[in-house]
Amino acid sequence: MRQPALAFVSAAGAHRAATPAEAAAINAAAHRSGLTKHVRHFRLARLIISTKGPYAAAILKPTGRLAGDTASAVFAEHRKGWRLVTTKRTQTVFA
């Protein structure tokens, strides 16, 4: 008796790398947002732009005494540029 074949289809990636201009605009949006006012110095990592909609995602990595805490961030593109929509804390490391 023949067994049905299972086919695994990988989903196509729906994101791309940011251009230097997009990265600079998103970085500026992250630093001027009220959601990040409690963190003075941080950098963006793993910045990706959605190809399906006007969204971007990145990891916010604080430097200094908060260096162990990271947060995922979602940005939305608007008429005047990018805006930080939400953040979610992803990791806490106690030193």
Protein backbone atom coordinates (compact mmCIF):
# COMPACT_ATOMS: atom_id res chain seq x y z
CA MET A 1 0.00 0.00 0.00
CA ARG A 2 1.35 3.42 -0.95
CA GLN A 3 1.81 6.05 1.70
CA PRO A 4 0.80 9.61 0.81
CA ALA A 5 3.78 11.84 0.21
CA LEU A 6 4.25 14.79 2.52
CA ALA A 7 5.38 17.99 0.93
CA PHE A 8 6.98 20.74 2.95
CA VAL A 9 6.81 24.16 1.39
CA SER A 10 8.95 26.85 2.92
CA ALA A 11 7.32 30.22 3.14
CA ALA A 12 9.05 32.94 1.20
CA GLY A 13 10.68 35.61 3.30
CA ALA A 14 8.47 38.66 3.52
CA HIS A 15 11.21 41.03 4.59
CA ARG A 16 14.36 42.63 3.30
CA ALA A 17 17.34 44.49 4.66
CA ALA A 18 17.01 48.21 5.22
CA THR A 19 18.74 50.69 2.97
CA PRO A 20 21.17 53.09 4.67
CA ALA A 21 18.62 55.92 4.40
CA GLU A 22 15.86 53.77 5.92
CA ALA A 23 18.17 52.61 8.70
CA ALA A 24 19.08 56.21 9.55
CA ALA A 25 15.42 57.30 9.55
CA ILE A 26 14.36 54.37 11.74
CA ASN A 27 17.25 54.97 14.12
CA ALA A 28 16.20 58.62 14.45
CA ALA A 29 12.58 57.59 15.04
CA ALA A 30 13.65 55.18 17.78
CA HIS A 31 15.74 57.80 19.56
CA ARG A 32 13.08 60.53 19.48
CA SER A 33 10.19 58.27 20.56
CA GLY A 34 8.57 58.63 23.95
CA LEU A 35 8.67 54.83 24.31
CA THR A 36 12.46 54.93 24.66
CA LYS A 37 12.81 58.02 26.86
CA HIS A 38 13.92 55.96 29.88
CA VAL A 39 16.93 54.56 27.96
CA ARG A 40 19.57 57.14 27.09
CA HIS A 41 21.92 55.13 24.86
CA PHE A 42 20.98 52.18 22.69
CA ARG A 43 21.59 50.82 19.23
CA LEU A 44 19.46 48.97 16.71
CA ALA A 45 20.24 45.41 15.66
CA ARG A 46 18.67 43.05 13.12
CA LEU A 47 16.72 45.78 11.36
CA ILE A 48 14.35 44.38 8.71
CA ILE A 49 11.75 46.00 6.48
CA SER A 50 8.50 44.21 5.62
CA THR A 51 7.77 43.73 1.94
CA LYS A 52 4.08 43.10 2.65
CA GLY A 53 3.25 46.35 4.42
CA PRO A 54 4.63 49.62 5.77
CA TYR A 55 6.34 48.04 8.79
CA ALA A 56 9.84 47.42 10.09
CA ALA A 57 11.21 45.50 13.06
CA ALA A 58 14.42 45.73 15.04
CA ILE A 59 16.04 44.74 18.30
CA LEU A 60 16.86 47.64 20.64
CA LYS A 61 20.10 46.95 22.54
CA PRO A 62 20.84 49.40 25.36
CA THR A 63 24.45 50.19 26.21
CA GLY A 64 25.90 50.97 29.62
CA ARG A 65 24.27 49.70 32.80
CA LEU A 66 21.20 48.37 30.96
CA ALA A 67 23.30 46.41 28.46
CA GLY A 68 21.67 43.05 29.29
CA ASP A 69 18.13 44.18 28.57
CA THR A 70 16.91 44.03 24.99
CA ALA A 71 13.56 44.81 23.43
CA SER A 72 11.92 44.06 20.12
CA ALA A 73 10.51 47.08 18.38
CA VAL A 74 7.97 47.55 15.60
CA PHE A 75 8.00 50.65 13.42
CA ALA A 76 5.34 51.92 11.02
CA GLU A 77 6.01 54.08 7.98
CA HIS A 78 4.00 57.29 7.78
CA ARG A 79 3.88 60.23 5.40
CA LYS A 80 6.66 62.01 7.25
CA GLY A 81 8.88 58.99 7.88
CA TRP A 82 9.00 56.18 10.42
CA ARG A 83 7.39 55.99 13.87
CA LEU A 84 8.05 53.57 16.73
CA VAL A 85 4.74 51.81 17.34
CA THR A 86 5.49 49.34 20.13
CA THR A 87 8.29 47.71 22.09
CA LYS A 88 8.42 44.51 24.08
CA ARG A 89 11.15 43.54 26.50
CA THR A 90 12.73 40.28 25.36
CA GLN A 91 15.51 39.44 27.80
CA THR A 92 16.86 40.32 31.21
CA VAL A 93 20.38 39.42 32.26
CA PHE A 94 21.51 40.15 35.78
CA ALA A 95 25.20 40.88 36.16
